[in-house]
Amino acid sequence: MKFLILLVVWFLLLAVAWPLALLVVLVAPIIWLLALPFRLVGLVVAALFAFLRALLFLPARILGFRG
């Protein structure tokens, strides 16, 4: 659904200002490539926090706490 809305907005932009729409098509993959390392760092940090949480709550789970 999000893709369909994005496509409709892009076609509206194409109808109103076609040079800007073509610029969006050319620049969007470059922006995605630049944002990719930040997304990977976010994923690693989230996994690290999940690991630390599991490690800290391990004694409670071993003792049978059901939270």
PDB file of N, CA and C in Angstrom:
ATOM      1  N   MET A   1       0.832  -1.192   0.000  1.00  0.00           N
ATOM      2  CA  MET A   1       0.000   0.000   0.000  1.00  0.00           C
ATOM      3  C   MET A   1       0.878   1.258   0.000  1.00  0.00           C
ATOM      4  N   LYS A   2       1.958   1.221   0.787  1.00  0.00           N
ATOM      5  CA  LYS A   2       2.860   2.368   0.843  1.00  0.00           C
ATOM      6  C   LYS A   2       3.506   2.606  -0.525  1.00  0.00           C
ATOM      7  N   PHE A   3       3.857   1.523  -1.196  1.00  0.00           N
ATOM      8  CA  PHE A   3       4.476   1.646  -2.518  1.00  0.00           C
ATOM      9  C   PHE A   3       3.505   2.252  -3.522  1.00  0.00           C
ATOM     10  N   LEU A   4       2.242   1.868  -3.447  1.00  0.00           N
ATOM     11  CA  LEU A   4       1.235   2.398  -4.367  1.00  0.00           C
ATOM     12  C   LEU A   4       1.053   3.907  -4.167  1.00  0.00           C
ATOM     13  N   ILE A   5       1.008   4.332  -2.922  1.00  0.00           N
ATOM     14  CA  ILE A   5       0.881   5.768  -2.639  1.00  0.00           C
ATOM     15  C   ILE A   5       2.108   6.515  -3.142  1.00  0.00           C
ATOM     16  N   LEU A   6       3.294   5.934  -2.916  1.00  0.00           N
ATOM     17  CA  LEU A   6       4.527   6.552  -3.397  1.00  0.00           C
ATOM     18  C   LEU A   6       4.534   6.664  -4.919  1.00  0.00           C
ATOM     19  N   LEU A   7       4.053   5.626  -5.587  1.00  0.00           N
ATOM     20  CA  LEU A   7       3.987   5.642  -7.042  1.00  0.00           C
ATOM     21  C   LEU A   7       3.021   6.711  -7.560  1.00  0.00           C
ATOM     22  N   VAL A   8       1.874   6.832  -6.929  1.00  0.00           N
ATOM     23  CA  VAL A   8       0.901   7.848  -7.340  1.00  0.00           C
ATOM     24  C   VAL A   8       1.465   9.257  -7.123  1.00  0.00           C
ATOM     25  N   VAL A   9       2.137   9.464  -5.996  1.00  0.00           N
ATOM     26  CA  VAL A   9       2.738  10.778  -5.731  1.00  0.00           C
ATOM     27  C   VAL A   9       3.828  11.074  -6.754  1.00  0.00           C
ATOM     28  N   TRP A  10       4.609  10.047  -7.117  1.00  0.00           N
ATOM     29  CA  TRP A  10       5.652  10.269  -8.105  1.00  0.00           C
ATOM     30  C   TRP A  10       5.057  10.619  -9.473  1.00  0.00           C
ATOM     31  N   PHE A  11       3.982   9.944  -9.859  1.00  0.00           N
ATOM     32  CA  PHE A  11       3.341  10.275 -11.135  1.00  0.00           C
ATOM     33  C   PHE A  11       2.742  11.683 -11.119  1.00  0.00           C
ATOM     34  N   LEU A  12       2.212  12.100  -9.976  1.00  0.00           N
ATOM     35  CA  LEU A  12       1.736  13.484  -9.870  1.00  0.00           C
ATOM     36  C   LEU A  12       2.893  14.466 -10.012  1.00  0.00           C
ATOM     37  N   LEU A  13       4.020  14.146  -9.380  1.00  0.00           N
ATOM     38  CA  LEU A  13       5.203  14.989  -9.526  1.00  0.00           C
ATOM     39  C   LEU A  13       5.694  14.989 -10.970  1.00  0.00           C
ATOM     40  N   LEU A  14       5.613  13.842 -11.627  1.00  0.00           N
ATOM     41  CA  LEU A  14       6.005  13.753 -13.030  1.00  0.00           C
ATOM     42  C   LEU A  14       5.124  14.642 -13.903  1.00  0.00           C
ATOM     43  N   ALA A  15       3.846  14.678 -13.592  1.00  0.00           N
ATOM     44  CA  ALA A  15       2.933  15.507 -14.382  1.00  0.00           C
ATOM     45  C   ALA A  15       3.148  16.995 -14.123  1.00  0.00           C
ATOM     46  N   VAL A  16       3.517  17.349 -12.904  1.00  0.00           N
ATOM     47  CA  VAL A  16       3.656  18.762 -12.552  1.00  0.00           C
ATOM     48  C   VAL A  16       5.053  19.282 -12.882  1.00  0.00           C
ATOM     49  N   ALA A  17       6.073  18.529 -12.470  1.00  0.00           N
ATOM     50  CA  ALA A  17       7.451  18.989 -12.666  1.00  0.00           C
ATOM     51  C   ALA A  17       8.316  17.788 -13.038  1.00  0.00           C
ATOM     52  N   TRP A  18       8.371  17.484 -14.327  1.00  0.00           N
ATOM     53  CA  TRP A  18       9.066  16.266 -14.748  1.00  0.00           C
ATOM     54  C   TRP A  18      10.570  16.292 -14.504  1.00  0.00           C
ATOM     55  N   PRO A  19      11.268  17.430 -14.560  1.00  0.00           N
ATOM     56  CA  PRO A  19      12.710  17.370 -14.238  1.00  0.00           C
ATOM     57  C   PRO A  19      12.970  16.989 -12.780  1.00  0.00           C
ATOM     58  N   LEU A  20      12.119  17.489 -11.894  1.00  0.00           N
ATOM     59  CA  LEU A  20      12.258  17.141 -10.486  1.00  0.00           C
ATOM     60  C   LEU A  20      11.950  15.662 -10.252  1.00  0.00           C
ATOM     61  N   ALA A  21      10.974  15.124 -10.963  1.00  0.00           N
ATOM     62  CA  ALA A  21      10.646  13.705 -10.828  1.00  0.00           C
ATOM     63  C   ALA A  21      11.793  12.833 -11.324  1.00  0.00           C
ATOM     64  N   LEU A  22      12.426  13.222 -12.417  1.00  0.00           N
ATOM     65  CA  LEU A  22      13.577  12.466 -12.913  1.00  0.00           C
ATOM     66  C   LEU A  22      14.757  12.568 -11.961  1.00  0.00           C
ATOM     67  N   LEU A  23      14.938  13.729 -11.348  1.00  0.00           N
ATOM     68  CA  LEU A  23      15.990  13.883 -10.353  1.00  0.00           C
ATOM     69  C   LEU A  23      15.750  12.983  -9.146  1.00  0.00           C
ATOM     70  N   VAL A  24      14.505  12.867  -8.739  1.00  0.00           N
ATOM     71  CA  VAL A  24      14.159  11.970  -7.630  1.00  0.00           C
ATOM     72  C   VAL A  24      14.493  10.525  -7.987  1.00  0.00           C
ATOM     73  N   VAL A  25      14.200  10.127  -9.211  1.00  0.00           N
ATOM     74  CA  VAL A  25      14.496   8.765  -9.641  1.00  0.00           C
ATOM     75  C   VAL A  25      16.005   8.500  -9.640  1.00  0.00           C
ATOM     76  N   LEU A  26      16.786   9.498  -9.993  1.00  0.00           N
ATOM     77  CA  LEU A  26      18.236   9.323 -10.043  1.00  0.00           C
ATOM     78  C   LEU A  26      18.893   9.407  -8.665  1.00  0.00           C
ATOM     79  N   VAL A  27      18.363  10.227  -7.781  1.00  0.00           N
ATOM     80  CA  VAL A  27      18.998  10.466  -6.487  1.00  0.00           C
ATOM     81  C   VAL A  27      18.535   9.474  -5.418  1.00  0.00           C
ATOM     82  N   ALA A  28      17.351   8.923  -5.530  1.00  0.00           N
ATOM     83  CA  ALA A  28      16.818   8.029  -4.497  1.00  0.00           C
ATOM     84  C   ALA A  28      17.708   6.806  -4.244  1.00  0.00           C
ATOM     85  N   PRO A  29      18.237   6.114  -5.250  1.00  0.00           N
ATOM     86  CA  PRO A  29      19.128   4.981  -4.940  1.00  0.00           C
ATOM     87  C   PRO A  29      20.417   5.399  -4.252  1.00  0.00           C
ATOM     88  N   ILE A  30      20.922   6.576  -4.583  1.00  0.00           N
ATOM     89  CA  ILE A  30      22.142   7.054  -3.933  1.00  0.00           C
ATOM     90  C   ILE A  30      21.878   7.336  -2.459  1.00  0.00           C
ATOM     91  N   ILE A  31      20.755   7.946  -2.149  1.00  0.00           N
ATOM     92  CA  ILE A  31      20.391   8.212  -0.760  1.00  0.00           C
ATOM     93  C   ILE A  31      20.183   6.905  -0.006  1.00  0.00           C
ATOM     94  N   TRP A  32      19.563   5.910  -0.671  1.00  0.00           N
ATOM     95  CA  TRP A  32      19.361   4.603  -0.037  1.00  0.00           C
ATOM     96  C   TRP A  32      20.707   3.947   0.275  1.00  0.00           C
ATOM     97  N   LEU A  33      21.648   4.042  -0.647  1.00  0.00           N
ATOM     98  CA  LEU A  33      22.973   3.468  -0.407  1.00  0.00           C
ATOM     99  C   LEU A  33      23.703   4.188   0.715  1.00  0.00           C
ATOM    100  N   LEU A  34      23.543   5.491   0.825  1.00  0.00           N
ATOM    101  CA  LEU A  34      24.173   6.228   1.914  1.00  0.00           C
ATOM    102  C   LEU A  34      23.536   5.919   3.268  1.00  0.00           C
ATOM    103  N   ALA A  35      22.246   5.624   3.287  1.00  0.00           N
ATOM    104  CA  ALA A  35      21.551   5.331   4.540  1.00  0.00           C
ATOM    105  C   ALA A  35      21.738   3.889   4.986  1.00  0.00           C
ATOM    106  N   LEU A  36      22.158   3.025   4.105  1.00  0.00           N
ATOM    107  CA  LEU A  36      22.288   1.602   4.436  1.00  0.00           C
ATOM    108  C   LEU A  36      23.232   1.320   5.599  1.00  0.00           C
ATOM    109  N   PRO A  37      24.418   1.918   5.672  1.00  0.00           N
ATOM    110  CA  PRO A  37      25.275   1.648   6.839  1.00  0.00           C
ATOM    111  C   PRO A  37      24.637   2.067   8.156  1.00  0.00           C
ATOM    112  N   PHE A  38      23.893   3.168   8.164  1.00  0.00           N
ATOM    113  CA  PHE A  38      23.239   3.600   9.400  1.00  0.00           C
ATOM    114  C   PHE A  38      22.161   2.612   9.822  1.00  0.00           C
ATOM    115  N   ARG A  39      21.461   2.036   8.865  1.00  0.00           N
ATOM    116  CA  ARG A  39      20.458   1.025   9.192  1.00  0.00           C
ATOM    117  C   ARG A  39      21.116  -0.228   9.750  1.00  0.00           C
ATOM    118  N   LEU A  40      22.262  -0.597   9.176  1.00  0.00           N
ATOM    119  CA  LEU A  40      22.992  -1.762   9.685  1.00  0.00           C
ATOM    120  C   LEU A  40      23.514  -1.514  11.096  1.00  0.00           C
ATOM    121  N   VAL A  41      24.007  -0.315  11.363  1.00  0.00           N
ATOM    122  CA  VAL A  41      24.471   0.012  12.714  1.00  0.00           C
ATOM    123  C   VAL A  41      23.302  -0.031  13.690  1.00  0.00           C
ATOM    124  N   GLY A  42      22.158   0.467  13.288  1.00  0.00           N
ATOM    125  CA  GLY A  42      20.967   0.405  14.138  1.00  0.00           C
ATOM    126  C   GLY A  42      20.551  -1.018  14.438  1.00  0.00           C
ATOM    127  N   LEU A  43      20.642  -1.877  13.452  1.00  0.00           N
ATOM    128  CA  LEU A  43      20.304  -3.287  13.655  1.00  0.00           C
ATOM    129  C   LEU A  43      21.271  -3.946  14.634  1.00  0.00           C
ATOM    130  N   VAL A  44      22.551  -3.652  14.498  1.00  0.00           N
ATOM    131  CA  VAL A  44      23.557  -4.226  15.394  1.00  0.00           C
ATOM    132  C   VAL A  44      23.367  -3.722  16.822  1.00  0.00           C
ATOM    133  N   VAL A  45      23.084  -2.442  16.981  1.00  0.00           N
ATOM    134  CA  VAL A  45      22.865  -1.885  18.320  1.00  0.00           C
ATOM    135  C   VAL A  45      21.617  -2.484  18.957  1.00  0.00           C
ATOM    136  N   ALA A  46      20.557  -2.659  18.198  1.00  0.00           N
ATOM    137  CA  ALA A  46      19.337  -3.287  18.733  1.00  0.00           C
ATOM    138  C   ALA A  46      19.607  -4.731  19.141  1.00  0.00           C
ATOM    139  N   ALA A  47      20.387  -5.455  18.347  1.00  0.00           N
ATOM    140  CA  ALA A  47      20.730  -6.832  18.698  1.00  0.00           C
ATOM    141  C   ALA A  47      21.602  -6.874  19.947  1.00  0.00           C
ATOM    142  N   LEU A  48      22.501  -5.927  20.084  1.00  0.00           N
ATOM    143  CA  LEU A  48      23.350  -5.865  21.273  1.00  0.00           C
ATOM    144  C   LEU A  48      22.523  -5.605  22.523  1.00  0.00           C
ATOM    145  N   PHE A  49      21.570  -4.686  22.453  1.00  0.00           N
ATOM    146  CA  PHE A  49      20.712  -4.417  23.609  1.00  0.00           C
ATOM    147  C   PHE A  49      19.829  -5.621  23.938  1.00  0.00           C
ATOM    148  N   ALA A  50      19.345  -6.324  22.934  1.00  0.00           N
ATOM    149  CA  ALA A  50      18.551  -7.527  23.188  1.00  0.00           C
ATOM    150  C   ALA A  50      19.410  -8.600  23.860  1.00  0.00           C
ATOM    151  N   PHE A  51      20.662  -8.740  23.424  1.00  0.00           N
ATOM    152  CA  PHE A  51      21.573  -9.708  24.040  1.00  0.00           C
ATOM    153  C   PHE A  51      21.859  -9.336  25.492  1.00  0.00           C
ATOM    154  N   LEU A  52      22.130  -8.048  25.757  1.00  0.00           N
ATOM    155  CA  LEU A  52      22.389  -7.625  27.130  1.00  0.00           C
ATOM    156  C   LEU A  52      21.176  -7.825  28.024  1.00  0.00           C
ATOM    157  N   ARG A  53      19.994  -7.566  27.504  1.00  0.00           N
ATOM    158  CA  ARG A  53      18.770  -7.774  28.283  1.00  0.00           C
ATOM    159  C   ARG A  53      18.579  -9.248  28.606  1.00  0.00           C
ATOM    160  N   ALA A  54      18.808 -10.107  27.613  1.00  0.00           N
ATOM    161  CA  ALA A  54      18.683 -11.538  27.856  1.00  0.00           C
ATOM    162  C   ALA A  54      19.721 -12.016  28.859  1.00  0.00           C
ATOM    163  N   LEU A  55      20.922 -11.458  28.781  1.00  0.00           N
ATOM    164  CA  LEU A  55      21.992 -11.848  29.704  1.00  0.00           C
ATOM    165  C   LEU A  55      21.684 -11.386  31.126  1.00  0.00           C
ATOM    166  N   LEU A  56      21.141 -10.182  31.273  1.00  0.00           N
ATOM    167  CA  LEU A  56      20.818  -9.677  32.610  1.00  0.00           C
ATOM    168  C   LEU A  56      19.632 -10.388  33.244  1.00  0.00           C
ATOM    169  N   PHE A  57      18.679 -10.822  32.440  1.00  0.00           N
ATOM    170  CA  PHE A  57      17.502 -11.496  32.980  1.00  0.00           C
ATOM    171  C   PHE A  57      17.664 -13.011  33.052  1.00  0.00           C
ATOM    172  N   LEU A  58      18.825 -13.518  32.668  1.00  0.00           N
ATOM    173  CA  LEU A  58      19.047 -14.961  32.695  1.00  0.00           C
ATOM    174  C   LEU A  58      18.928 -15.556  34.093  1.00  0.00           C
ATOM    175  N   PRO A  59      19.492 -14.945  35.152  1.00  0.00           N
ATOM    176  CA  PRO A  59      19.322 -15.549  36.487  1.00  0.00           C
ATOM    177  C   PRO A  59      17.857 -15.631  36.912  1.00  0.00           C
ATOM    178  N   ALA A  60      17.070 -14.632  36.584  1.00  0.00           N
ATOM    179  CA  ALA A  60      15.650 -14.657  36.942  1.00  0.00           C
ATOM    180  C   ALA A  60      14.931 -15.764  36.179  1.00  0.00           C
ATOM    181  N   ARG A  61      15.297 -15.977  34.923  1.00  0.00           N
ATOM    182  CA  ARG A  61      14.651 -17.037  34.148  1.00  0.00           C
ATOM    183  C   ARG A  61      15.051 -18.409  34.661  1.00  0.00           C
ATOM    184  N   ILE A  62      16.299 -18.532  35.119  1.00  0.00           N
ATOM    185  CA  ILE A  62      16.746 -19.819  35.652  1.00  0.00           C
ATOM    186  C   ILE A  62      16.003 -20.125  36.955  1.00  0.00           C
ATOM    187  N   LEU A  63      15.727 -19.107  37.778  1.00  0.00           N
ATOM    188  CA  LEU A  63      15.025 -19.300  39.028  1.00  0.00           C
ATOM    189  C   LEU A  63      13.518 -19.449  38.845  1.00  0.00           C
ATOM    190  N   GLY A  64      13.026 -19.302  37.641  1.00  0.00           N
ATOM    191  CA  GLY A  64      11.619 -19.584  37.349  1.00  0.00           C
ATOM    192  C   GLY A  64      10.700 -18.393  37.397  1.00  0.00           C
ATOM    193  N   PHE A  65      11.211 -17.166  37.299  1.00  0.00           N
ATOM    194  CA  PHE A  65      10.349 -15.987  37.294  1.00  0.00           C
ATOM    195  C   PHE A  65       9.590 -15.890  35.984  1.00  0.00           C
ATOM    196  N   ARG A  66       8.270 -15.722  36.083  1.00  0.00           N
ATOM    197  CA  ARG A  66       7.426 -15.572  34.896  1.00  0.00           C
ATOM    198  C   ARG A  66       6.867 -14.156  34.883  1.00  0.00           C
ATOM    199  N   GLY A  67       7.501 -13.269  34.138  1.00  0.00           N
ATOM    200  CA  GLY A  67       7.058 -11.865  34.126  1.00  0.00           C
ATOM    201  C   GLY A  67       6.099 -11.641  33.103  1.00  0.00           C
TER     202      GLY A  67
END
